Amino acid sequence: MMRLLLSTLLVLVLAPMASLEAQMFRWLAFGDSITKGDFDFDNKGGYPGRLHNLLNCSPGVCEVFNSGSSGERTSQAVTRIDNVLNNQGPFDVMLLMEGTNDLFQNISAESVRDNLWTIANKARNHKVETVHSSIIWYHPNGDYGTSKNSAVKNLRDKVKNLAQNNNRYFVDNWDELCPGAHTDVHGHNQSTCFAQHYSNVCPGRPPPCGDNRGHPIGSGYDMMADRWYDSLKPSFKPAKPTLVSPMGTVFASQVWLSWDAANRANWYRLELENDSGPDLDIKLEASAVCTGGSCSYLVSDLQPGDYTWRVRGRSPAGWGSWSNEAALSHPSSFFFEDSFETGNTSGWASTSP
């Protein structure tokens, strides 16, 4: 009698999963001229350039990409974001700080909030998560002075709620730079802070003229970059996920890949690889695949073969470590046709001594 030695066919002989080239992590700093930076007062690229340095970014590793547009209203940003995402990406995270010019032109905080919601959802469609930010105070000596700052605070509260309702990070630059109710990180009251951290001259106009939109100078951008960094520092990357199942042999072509949720992960990258290379490489939003502390993804058409799979989490701070690799095998359901019925006995052996 001859019988198939299943153990021979199902033993995995796999080299370790080929490590991918380092994936560059890119933050998109999207906003108006306060994001762009004012080179009349600052030559380091505003807060994005400083944040780039704080995150210790180097070519090929990470980048804070400055996409500030002077004078932009959020209604214009709703249109511009499409071009940025389509033609200047890919990006992992968007740092969204906009609305100063809207309030300057008496556009309501509700309209600004709705536009920010649209911008963030467009980014989400590109698998880019959003970090929201409040805008900063108007310069008190500007054209509108402090008369606009109640609207600035109102918008700050709406943006904070928008972030919380969508499980997104919120960076409170309003409270960092010249807060009205208490001293700033340097111990300055609001008046002293404006004098030291905002521009108080205007190009092409005789002093004193103030800055009617409230651009910070270099020291103000230092404070903003520090506040962004407090939410994005590398130690806030997600924890390493733990794979749960499957491991070993699976006989169905529909397979749920399951893992324990990683702390701080808002997105996951799932890779399933066979001998010839990646079979599946996909980014998944945690809210779509995780319930409680468990996450799973359905592979609906697993082809016969030997595989390894792994997962890593992403937060606004970056990608966390890959999980350990798990091996699985999906044997062909036609091994009798391939071997016995064709007369090929190479996969058979005698059970007799």
Protein backbone atom coordinates (compact mmCIF):
# COMPACT_ATOMS: atom_id res chain seq x y z
CA MET A 1 0.00 0.00 0.00
CA MET A 2 1.10 3.49 -0.76
CA ARG A 3 -0.17 6.63 0.86
CA LEU A 4 0.56 10.35 0.63
CA LEU A 5 2.92 11.68 3.26
CA LEU A 6 1.09 14.90 4.01
CA SER A 7 3.80 16.00 6.36
CA THR A 8 6.23 16.02 3.46
CA LEU A 9 4.03 18.30 1.41
CA LEU A 10 3.11 20.68 4.24
CA VAL A 11 6.47 21.33 5.82
CA LEU A 12 7.39 24.96 5.26
CA VAL A 13 10.86 25.61 3.97
CA LEU A 14 10.89 29.39 3.98
CA ALA A 15 13.64 31.92 4.14
CA PRO A 16 12.95 34.82 6.50
CA MET A 17 10.65 37.43 4.99
CA ALA A 18 12.75 39.78 2.92
CA SER A 19 13.07 43.04 4.76
CA LEU A 20 11.66 45.91 2.79
CA GLU A 21 13.66 48.97 2.00
CA ALA A 22 13.21 51.60 4.65
CA GLN A 23 9.93 53.36 3.99
CA MET A 24 10.24 57.11 4.16
CA PHE A 25 7.74 58.61 6.59
CA ARG A 26 6.27 61.91 5.42
CA TRP A 27 4.30 64.49 7.33
CA LEU A 28 2.35 67.00 5.22
CA ALA A 29 2.21 70.41 6.92
CA PHE A 30 -0.86 71.89 5.21
CA GLY A 31 -2.03 75.42 5.90
CA ASP A 32 -1.75 79.08 5.02
CA SER A 33 1.11 81.58 5.32
CA ILE A 34 1.63 80.83 9.00
CA THR A 35 2.51 77.28 7.93
CA LYS A 36 4.52 78.48 4.94
CA GLY A 37 6.62 80.81 7.08
CA ASP A 38 7.46 84.41 6.44
CA PHE A 39 11.00 84.72 5.11
CA ASP A 40 11.06 88.42 5.94
CA PHE A 41 11.14 87.38 9.60
CA ASP A 42 12.34 83.78 9.53
CA ASN A 43 14.65 81.72 7.29
CA LYS A 44 14.08 78.23 8.73
CA GLY A 45 10.83 77.31 7.02
CA GLY A 46 8.40 78.21 9.79
CA TYR A 47 7.31 75.51 12.19
CA PRO A 48 7.58 72.69 9.56
CA GLY A 49 11.30 73.26 9.05
CA ARG A 50 11.93 73.30 12.78
CA LEU A 51 9.77 70.23 13.36
CA HIS A 52 11.70 68.44 10.62
CA ASN A 53 14.87 69.03 12.64
CA LEU A 54 13.32 68.14 15.99
CA LEU A 55 12.23 64.80 14.53
CA ASN A 56 15.81 64.24 13.40
CA CYS A 57 14.71 63.67 9.82
CA SER A 58 17.28 62.84 7.18
CA PRO A 59 16.96 62.09 3.44
CA GLY A 60 15.19 58.82 2.79
CA VAL A 61 14.11 58.42 6.43
CA CYS A 62 11.50 61.09 7.12
CA GLU A 63 10.39 64.53 6.01
CA VAL A 64 8.08 67.31 7.13
CA PHE A 65 6.87 68.65 3.79
CA ASN A 66 5.81 72.31 3.91
CA SER A 67 2.67 72.97 1.88
CA GLY A 68 1.65 76.38 3.19
CA SER A 69 -0.13 78.78 0.86
CA SER A 70 -0.18 82.50 1.66
CA GLY A 71 -3.58 84.12 1.99
CA GLU A 72 -5.47 80.87 1.59
CA ARG A 73 -8.98 80.38 2.96
CA THR A 74 -10.21 76.92 3.88
CA SER A 75 -12.65 76.90 0.95
CA GLN A 76 -9.63 77.25 -1.35
CA ALA A 77 -7.76 74.60 0.62
CA VAL A 78 -10.59 72.13 -0.04
CA THR A 79 -9.67 72.35 -3.73
CA ARG A 80 -5.89 72.61 -3.35
CA ILE A 81 -5.57 69.50 -1.18
CA ASP A 82 -6.49 67.27 -4.13
CA ASN A 83 -3.48 68.40 -6.13
CA VAL A 84 -1.15 68.08 -3.14
CA LEU A 85 -2.29 64.54 -2.30
CA ASN A 86 -2.30 63.36 -5.91
CA ASN A 87 0.92 64.95 -7.12
CA GLN A 88 3.17 65.60 -4.14
CA GLY A 89 2.55 62.47 -2.07
CA PRO A 90 2.58 59.87 -0.81
CA PHE A 91 2.14 61.13 2.73
CA ASP A 92 1.46 59.35 5.99
CA VAL A 93 0.13 62.15 8.20
CA MET A 94 -1.28 65.62 7.54
CA LEU A 95 -0.68 68.43 10.03
CA LEU A 96 -3.68 70.66 9.37
CA MET A 97 -3.61 74.24 10.62
CA GLU A 98 -5.84 76.65 8.73
CA GLY A 99 -8.57 79.24 9.24
CA THR A 100 -6.73 82.49 10.01
CA ASN A 101 -7.65 84.10 6.71
CA ASP A 102 -11.29 82.96 7.00
CA LEU A 103 -11.79 84.72 10.31
CA PHE A 104 -9.90 87.75 9.01
CA GLN A 105 -12.56 87.94 6.26
CA ASN A 106 -15.48 87.31 8.63
CA ILE A 107 -16.18 83.74 7.52
CA SER A 108 -17.88 81.80 10.29
CA ALA A 109 -16.09 79.26 12.48
CA GLU A 110 -18.76 76.72 11.51
CA SER A 111 -17.85 77.06 7.82
CA VAL A 112 -14.17 76.72 8.65
CA ARG A 113 -14.82 73.60 10.71
CA ASP A 114 -16.85 72.03 7.90
CA ASN A 115 -14.10 72.74 5.38
CA LEU A 116 -11.48 71.25 7.69
CA TRP A 117 -13.65 68.14 7.99
CA THR A 118 -13.75 67.84 4.19
CA ILE A 119 -9.98 68.31 3.87
CA ALA A 120 -9.32 65.64 6.50
CA ASN A 121 -11.65 63.17 4.81
CA LYS A 122 -9.96 63.71 1.47
CA ALA A 123 -6.67 62.88 3.16
CA ARG A 124 -8.24 59.79 4.71
CA ASN A 125 -9.20 58.56 1.25
CA HIS A 126 -5.47 58.57 0.52
CA LYS A 127 -4.83 56.64 3.77
CA VAL A 128 -3.36 59.79 5.33
CA GLU A 129 -4.40 60.52 8.90
CA THR A 130 -4.91 64.06 10.13
CA VAL A 131 -3.60 65.93 13.15
CA HIS A 132 -5.72 69.03 13.74
CA SER A 133 -4.39 72.26 15.17
CA SER A 134 -5.92 75.44 16.50
CA ILE A 135 -4.79 78.67 14.85
CA ILE A 136 -2.85 81.25 16.85
CA TRP A 137 -3.89 84.62 18.19
CA TYR A 138 -4.07 87.73 16.02
CA HIS A 139 -1.43 90.34 16.67
CA PRO A 140 -3.00 92.95 19.00
CA ASN A 141 -1.53 95.85 16.99
CA GLY A 142 -2.78 94.55 13.68
CA ASP A 143 -5.62 95.89 11.58
CA TYR A 144 -8.21 94.02 13.61
CA GLY A 145 -6.31 93.71 16.87
CA THR A 146 -7.84 91.69 19.64
CA SER A 147 -11.36 92.23 18.29
CA LYS A 148 -10.97 88.98 16.33
CA ASN A 149 -9.55 86.89 19.11
CA SER A 150 -12.90 85.79 20.50
CA ALA A 151 -13.53 84.26 17.07
CA VAL A 152 -10.09 82.62 17.20
CA LYS A 153 -10.95 81.00 20.53
CA ASN A 154 -14.36 79.90 19.23
CA LEU A 155 -12.70 78.23 16.23
CA ARG A 156 -10.15 76.61 18.52
CA ASP A 157 -12.94 74.95 20.49
CA LYS A 158 -14.69 73.72 17.35
CA VAL A 159 -11.50 72.27 15.88
CA LYS A 160 -10.75 70.53 19.18
CA ASN A 161 -14.21 68.95 19.14
CA LEU A 162 -13.77 67.98 15.49
CA ALA A 163 -10.57 66.14 16.36
CA GLN A 164 -12.05 64.41 19.39
CA ASN A 165 -15.19 63.31 17.53
CA ASN A 166 -13.05 61.68 14.84
CA ASN A 167 -10.45 60.13 17.18
CA ARG A 168 -7.66 62.38 15.88
CA TYR A 169 -4.80 64.17 17.59
CA PHE A 170 -5.28 67.83 18.43
CA VAL A 171 -2.35 70.24 18.84
CA ASP A 172 -3.27 73.41 20.70
CA ASN A 173 -1.04 76.10 19.27
CA TRP A 174 -3.58 78.65 20.48
CA ASP A 175 -2.66 77.75 24.06
CA GLU A 176 1.06 77.51 23.34
CA LEU A 177 1.73 80.88 21.77
CA CYS A 178 0.72 83.88 23.89
CA PRO A 179 -2.21 82.38 25.83
CA GLY A 180 -4.48 85.01 27.28
CA ALA A 181 -5.29 83.47 30.63
CA HIS A 182 -1.81 82.50 31.82
CA THR A 183 1.87 82.93 31.05
CA ASP A 184 3.54 81.06 28.21
CA VAL A 185 6.34 78.52 28.56
CA HIS A 186 8.86 81.34 28.99
CA GLY A 187 6.86 82.97 31.77
CA HIS A 188 5.68 85.80 29.54
CA ASN A 189 2.25 87.32 29.80
CA GLN A 190 0.34 87.82 26.57
CA SER A 191 1.52 91.38 25.97
CA THR A 192 5.17 90.51 26.48
CA CYS A 193 4.76 87.38 24.38
CA PHE A 194 3.36 89.32 21.43
CA ALA A 195 6.22 91.81 21.69
CA GLN A 196 8.88 89.07 21.68
CA HIS A 197 7.43 86.32 19.46
CA TYR A 198 5.34 88.07 16.80
CA SER A 199 6.51 90.30 13.98
CA ASN A 200 5.88 93.99 14.59
CA VAL A 201 7.05 95.47 11.30
CA CYS A 202 5.59 95.02 7.84
CA PRO A 203 7.66 94.82 4.64
CA GLY A 204 7.19 97.91 2.50
CA ARG A 205 5.36 99.85 5.19
CA PRO A 206 6.83 102.33 7.66
CA PRO A 207 6.94 101.22 11.31
CA PRO A 208 5.10 100.85 13.51
CA CYS A 209 2.52 98.94 11.51
CA GLY A 210 2.07 95.58 13.19
CA ASP A 211 1.24 92.38 11.41
CA ASN A 212 -2.43 92.22 10.63
CA ARG A 213 -2.56 88.44 10.40
CA GLY A 214 -0.32 87.57 13.30
CA HIS A 215 2.77 85.87 11.88
CA PRO A 216 5.28 84.73 14.48
CA ILE A 217 8.97 85.44 14.18
CA GLY A 218 11.59 82.73 14.65
CA SER A 219 11.18 82.40 18.42
CA GLY A 220 7.42 82.04 17.98
CA TYR A 221 7.90 79.31 15.41
CA ASP A 222 10.26 77.59 17.86
CA MET A 223 7.42 77.43 20.36
CA MET A 224 4.98 76.11 17.74
CA ALA A 225 7.40 73.42 16.59
CA ASP A 226 7.90 72.34 20.20
CA ARG A 227 4.14 71.95 20.64
CA TRP A 228 3.83 69.85 17.47
CA TYR A 229 6.76 67.73 18.57
CA ASP A 230 5.13 67.06 21.93
CA SER A 231 2.45 65.07 20.08
CA LEU A 232 4.69 63.51 17.41
CA LYS A 233 7.85 62.53 19.27
CA PRO A 234 9.29 59.13 18.26
CA SER A 235 8.47 57.57 21.65
CA PHE A 236 4.78 57.83 20.68
CA LYS A 237 5.12 55.35 17.84
CA PRO A 238 2.79 52.34 18.20
CA ALA A 239 3.76 49.27 20.17
CA LYS A 240 4.69 46.07 18.37
CA PRO A 241 1.55 44.06 17.46
CA THR A 242 1.14 40.40 18.46
CA LEU A 243 -0.15 38.00 15.80
CA VAL A 244 -2.91 35.62 16.91
CA SER A 245 -3.94 33.42 13.96
CA PRO A 246 -3.62 31.64 11.62
CA MET A 247 -0.31 29.89 12.04
CA GLY A 248 0.37 26.58 10.33
CA THR A 249 -1.94 24.94 7.81
CA VAL A 250 -5.22 26.37 6.56
CA PHE A 251 -7.51 24.52 4.15
CA ALA A 252 -9.96 27.30 3.28
CA SER A 253 -9.33 29.96 0.66
CA GLN A 254 -11.05 32.53 2.89
CA VAL A 255 -8.84 33.26 5.89
CA TRP A 256 -9.12 35.79 8.71
CA LEU A 257 -5.73 37.16 9.71
CA SER A 258 -5.98 38.26 13.35
CA TRP A 259 -3.72 40.18 15.70
CA ASP A 260 -3.86 42.01 19.01
CA ALA A 261 -4.23 45.77 18.67
CA ALA A 262 -1.09 47.81 19.27
CA ASN A 263 -1.19 50.76 21.64
CA ARG A 264 -1.47 54.11 19.83
CA ALA A 265 -1.96 52.55 16.37
CA ASN A 266 -4.53 54.34 14.23
CA TRP A 267 -3.58 52.51 11.03
CA TYR A 268 -1.94 49.19 10.24
CA ARG A 269 0.18 47.89 7.42
CA LEU A 270 -0.47 44.21 6.69
CA GLU A 271 1.89 42.20 4.53
CA LEU A 272 1.32 38.65 3.30
CA GLU A 273 4.23 37.23 1.32
CA ASN A 274 4.85 34.01 -0.57
CA ASP A 275 8.06 32.64 -2.05
CA SER A 276 7.88 34.92 -5.07
CA GLY A 277 7.33 38.16 -3.14
CA PRO A 278 4.57 40.21 -1.54
CA ASP A 279 1.12 38.80 -2.26
CA LEU A 280 -0.69 41.43 -0.18
CA ASP A 281 0.59 44.79 1.09
CA ILE A 282 -2.20 46.99 2.37
CA LYS A 283 -2.86 49.88 4.78
CA LEU A 284 -5.88 49.44 7.05
CA GLU A 285 -7.57 51.98 9.28
CA ALA A 286 -7.80 50.64 12.83
CA SER A 287 -11.40 51.77 13.22
CA ALA A 288 -12.35 49.55 10.26
CA VAL A 289 -10.60 46.33 11.35
CA CYS A 290 -10.33 46.49 15.15
CA THR A 291 -12.87 45.97 17.90
CA GLY A 292 -11.68 46.41 21.44
CA GLY A 293 -8.21 44.94 21.59
CA SER A 294 -8.51 42.63 18.58
CA CYS A 295 -8.03 43.29 14.87
CA SER A 296 -8.69 41.08 11.85
CA TYR A 297 -8.68 41.22 8.07
CA LEU A 298 -10.30 38.77 5.65
CA VAL A 299 -8.20 37.38 2.82
CA SER A 300 -10.95 36.19 0.51
CA ASP A 301 -9.00 34.26 -2.13
CA LEU A 302 -5.89 32.67 -0.67
CA GLN A 303 -4.11 30.71 -3.37
CA PRO A 304 -2.34 27.41 -2.62
CA GLY A 305 1.18 27.99 -1.37
CA ASP A 306 3.40 28.76 1.57
CA TYR A 307 3.28 32.20 3.14
CA THR A 308 4.54 34.42 5.92
CA TRP A 309 2.61 37.41 7.21
CA ARG A 310 3.21 40.29 9.58
CA VAL A 311 1.68 43.58 10.76
CA ARG A 312 2.91 46.95 12.01
CA GLY A 313 1.01 49.92 13.44
CA ARG A 314 1.13 53.59 12.49
CA SER A 315 0.36 56.66 14.57
CA PRO A 316 0.97 60.34 13.77
CA ALA A 317 4.41 59.82 15.31
CA GLY A 318 5.45 57.20 12.74
CA TRP A 319 5.44 53.48 12.03
CA GLY A 320 6.01 51.10 14.94
CA SER A 321 8.00 47.88 14.79
CA TRP A 322 6.86 44.94 12.70
CA SER A 323 5.26 42.06 14.54
CA ASN A 324 7.03 38.72 14.54
CA GLU A 325 6.40 36.79 11.33
CA ALA A 326 3.91 33.93 11.22
CA ALA A 327 4.08 31.11 8.69
CA LEU A 328 1.01 29.55 7.12
CA SER A 329 0.43 27.03 4.36
CA HIS A 330 -2.56 26.55 2.11
CA PRO A 331 -2.18 23.13 0.41
CA SER A 332 -3.59 22.48 -3.02
CA SER A 333 -6.95 20.71 -2.97
CA PHE A 334 -6.01 18.93 -6.20
CA PHE A 335 -2.97 16.97 -5.08
CA PHE A 336 -4.54 13.65 -6.16
CA GLU A 337 -5.12 14.95 -9.66
CA ASP A 338 -1.62 16.40 -9.79
CA SER A 339 0.11 13.25 -8.55
CA PHE A 340 -1.75 9.98 -8.32
CA GLU A 341 -4.06 10.31 -11.32
CA THR A 342 -1.20 11.32 -13.59
CA GLY A 343 0.90 8.42 -12.42
CA ASN A 344 3.45 10.68 -10.75
CA THR A 345 4.50 8.89 -7.54
CA SER A 346 7.30 11.27 -6.54
CA GLY A 347 5.25 12.55 -3.59
CA TRP A 348 4.39 9.04 -2.33
CA ALA A 349 6.21 6.56 -0.15
CA SER A 350 5.67 3.05 1.15
CA THR A 351 4.34 2.55 4.67
CA SER A 352 5.92 -0.91 4.86
CA PRO A 353 9.13 -1.40 6.79
